Structure formats: C-alpha cells, structure tokens
C-alpha cells in the first residue's frame, strides 16, 4: 500500500472570533478566498509561529473587518479535515469576543461582505458545518433540521 501524496504536509492552527455585539447579533463574513470561498464564516485565520493566540485572534479580526475586540472565553476547538486535492487540515480555536466598536471596515480581498446577523436569521446563511456547529453552541435555536448535524 502506497502512502497518499498530499500538497500540504502540516496542520494549520487557526483562531476564529465569534463577535457578538450588545444587540446579540453575531458578525459574519462572506469569504472571497479559499477555504470556504463564498460561504459565511466568522473572522479569523492562522496563528503565525511565535505569535500568542490572543494576539493572533485580535490581528486577524483587525485585518479582516477592521475591529478591535475584547476576547472573553474559548467556546470550543474544532477540527476540519479535507482530504484529496486540497488536503486541508485545520485545528480551529473559537473564542467569544465583544467588539470595542461596531463600525466594520472589511478587507475586500479576503471578505466579500461583512454584516451583523441576528440569531433568528442565522439559518438563512450558507456556512460550513463547523461554523454552524459552533454557532449552535451560542445560539441553540439557529440550527436547521436539514443541515446533517445533531440538534
């Protein structure tokens, strides 16, 4: 049996901010770049070597949506593996955050659109399973019955 050949030979550790404003809305961004291009996710990205986790989270949020955030608590850790040609393997650390302002200025290269979304509208957005799962921890009522994930 031959060992499969992969384009990428490492795991990427990423941070994602679940930013909830004082109205209880969560900030979603529609991605312009892979992975998850065209889908709605929360701001985040990879941790650079030697960069503290919280600093990476704050940097990624600033780079993607131009917001300063106060990091509150870790919500969960999620693993995303996509074998095959893309061969993505991510370990994603999700943190709940509070925005220090709500004036979004998104990076148009990475983010097609960014918006504050109320809980009741979350089922209407196309998002990766991991994003929907994590949002279900903070907003249990948003889950769709047809998304293939346990309710």
Protein backbone atom coordinates (compact mmCIF):
# COMPACT_ATOMS: atom_id res chain seq x y z
CA UNK A 1 0.00 0.00 0.00
CA UNK A 2 1.46 3.34 -1.02
CA UNK A 3 1.24 6.36 1.20
CA UNK A 4 -1.01 9.08 -0.26
CA UNK A 5 0.74 12.21 -1.53
CA UNK A 6 -0.52 15.49 -0.14
CA UNK A 7 0.03 19.07 -1.30
CA UNK A 8 0.25 20.23 2.30
CA UNK A 9 2.09 18.25 4.92
CA UNK A 10 1.20 20.13 8.09
CA UNK A 11 -1.71 21.03 10.31
CA UNK A 12 -2.72 24.68 10.37
CA UNK A 13 -3.78 26.02 13.75
CA UNK A 14 -6.25 28.86 13.39
CA UNK A 15 -8.23 31.20 15.60
CA UNK A 16 -11.77 32.40 14.95
CA UNK A 17 -13.64 35.21 16.70
CA UNK A 18 -17.33 34.80 17.47
CA UNK A 19 -18.02 38.51 17.82
CA UNK A 20 -21.35 39.26 19.49
CA UNK A 21 -22.49 42.88 19.80
CA UNK A 22 -24.67 44.39 22.54
CA UNK A 23 -27.81 43.64 20.48
CA UNK A 24 -26.96 39.91 20.48
CA UNK A 25 -26.02 39.90 16.78
CA UNK A 26 -23.02 37.93 15.52
CA UNK A 27 -20.59 39.23 12.90
CA UNK A 28 -20.48 37.05 9.78
CA UNK A 29 -18.19 37.49 6.79
CA UNK A 30 -18.65 36.08 3.29
CA UNK A 31 -15.27 34.72 2.19
CA UNK A 32 -13.62 35.83 -1.05
CA UNK A 33 -10.80 33.27 -0.83
CA UNK A 34 -10.46 29.52 -0.14
CA UNK A 35 -11.10 27.69 2.01
CA UNK A 36 -14.87 28.20 2.30
CA UNK A 37 -14.93 30.73 -0.56
CA UNK A 38 -18.46 32.10 -0.99
CA UNK A 39 -19.62 30.88 2.42
CA UNK A 40 -20.38 32.83 5.59
CA UNK A 41 -17.95 32.41 8.48
CA UNK A 42 -16.65 34.39 11.43
CA UNK A 43 -13.39 36.38 11.12
CA UNK A 44 -10.17 34.55 11.85
CA UNK A 45 -7.08 32.95 10.42
CA UNK A 46 -3.86 31.17 11.12
CA UNK A 47 -1.57 31.75 14.06
CA UNK A 48 1.93 32.76 12.99
CA UNK A 49 4.90 30.95 14.51
CA UNK A 50 5.80 32.62 17.80
CA UNK A 51 2.59 34.68 17.92
CA UNK A 52 0.47 34.43 21.09
CA UNK A 53 -3.01 33.01 20.40
CA UNK A 54 -4.98 36.05 21.64
CA UNK A 55 -2.75 38.47 19.69
CA UNK A 56 -3.29 36.35 16.55
CA UNK A 57 -7.05 36.49 17.08
CA UNK A 58 -7.04 40.27 17.52
CA UNK A 59 -4.74 40.72 14.50
CA UNK A 60 -6.92 38.57 12.24
CA UNK A 61 -10.09 40.41 13.26
CA UNK A 62 -8.44 43.77 12.59
CA UNK A 63 -7.08 42.58 9.22
CA UNK A 64 -10.42 41.15 8.04
CA UNK A 65 -13.04 43.53 9.44
CA UNK A 66 -11.19 46.48 11.00
CA UNK A 67 -12.50 45.92 14.53
CA UNK A 68 -10.80 45.87 17.91
CA UNK A 69 -12.21 43.17 20.15
CA UNK A 70 -12.06 42.13 23.77
CA UNK A 71 -11.55 38.38 23.94
CA UNK A 72 -13.85 36.79 26.50
CA UNK A 73 -13.64 32.97 26.60
CA UNK A 74 -12.83 29.94 24.48
CA UNK A 75 -16.01 28.37 23.12
CA UNK A 76 -14.61 25.20 21.53
CA UNK A 77 -11.90 23.56 19.45
CA UNK A 78 -12.93 22.17 16.07
CA UNK A 79 -11.00 20.04 13.62
CA UNK A 80 -11.63 20.38 9.87
CA UNK A 81 -10.03 17.85 7.52
CA UNK A 82 -10.47 17.94 3.74
CA UNK A 83 -8.56 15.06 2.12
CA UNK A 84 -7.90 14.96 -1.58
CA UNK A 85 -6.51 17.61 -3.89
CA UNK A 86 -6.94 20.48 -1.40
CA UNK A 87 -5.74 18.48 1.61
CA UNK A 88 -6.67 21.00 4.28
CA UNK A 89 -6.22 20.04 7.93
CA UNK A 90 -7.14 22.75 10.39
CA UNK A 91 -7.39 22.82 14.16
CA UNK A 92 -9.54 25.85 14.90
CA UNK A 93 -9.79 27.59 18.28
CA UNK A 94 -13.06 29.52 18.65
CA UNK A 95 -13.27 32.45 21.07
CA UNK A 96 -16.26 34.57 22.01
CA UNK A 97 -15.41 38.25 21.65
CA UNK A 98 -17.00 41.61 22.32
CA UNK A 99 -16.44 44.43 19.81
CA UNK A 100 -14.99 47.66 21.17
CA UNK A 101 -16.83 49.41 18.31
CA UNK A 102 -19.23 48.13 15.66
CA UNK A 103 -18.02 50.07 12.61
CA UNK A 104 -16.98 47.36 10.15
CA UNK A 105 -14.32 48.15 7.55
CA UNK A 106 -13.74 44.82 5.83
CA UNK A 107 -10.72 43.78 3.77
CA UNK A 108 -12.24 43.40 0.29
CA UNK A 109 -9.52 40.98 -0.85
CA UNK A 110 -10.46 38.37 1.77
CA UNK A 111 -14.04 39.33 2.61
CA UNK A 112 -16.79 39.96 0.03
CA UNK A 113 -19.23 41.20 2.65
CA UNK A 114 -19.48 41.54 6.43
CA UNK A 115 -22.64 42.06 8.45
CA UNK A 116 -24.17 41.83 11.89
CA UNK A 117 -26.69 38.97 11.86
CA UNK A 118 -29.46 38.41 14.43
CA UNK A 119 -29.87 34.87 15.77
CA UNK A 120 -33.19 34.28 14.00
CA UNK A 121 -31.58 34.92 10.58
CA UNK A 122 -28.62 32.52 11.01
CA UNK A 123 -30.36 29.52 9.36
CA UNK A 124 -30.64 31.53 6.12
CA UNK A 125 -26.86 31.76 5.62
CA UNK A 126 -24.74 29.25 3.71
CA UNK A 127 -21.91 28.28 6.05
CA UNK A 128 -19.54 25.37 6.65
CA UNK A 129 -20.70 22.64 9.04
CA UNK A 130 -18.09 23.67 11.60
CA UNK A 131 -19.32 27.27 11.64
CA UNK A 132 -22.93 26.15 12.06
CA UNK A 133 -21.93 23.73 14.83
CA UNK A 134 -20.02 26.40 16.76
CA UNK A 135 -22.78 29.00 16.37
CA UNK A 136 -25.20 26.36 17.69
CA UNK A 137 -23.32 26.43 20.98
CA UNK A 138 -24.04 30.14 21.45
CA UNK A 139 -27.37 30.28 19.62
CA UNK A 140 -29.04 26.85 20.04
CA UNK A 141 -32.20 27.99 18.25
CA UNK A 142 -30.49 28.73 14.92
CA UNK A 143 -29.89 25.14 13.82
CA UNK A 144 -31.64 23.91 10.67
CA UNK A 145 -33.16 20.43 10.75
CA UNK A 146 -31.70 19.64 7.32
CA UNK A 147 -28.05 20.56 7.96
CA UNK A 148 -27.00 16.98 8.77
CA UNK A 149 -25.61 17.82 12.20
CA UNK A 150 -27.05 16.60 15.51
CA UNK A 151 -29.55 19.01 17.02
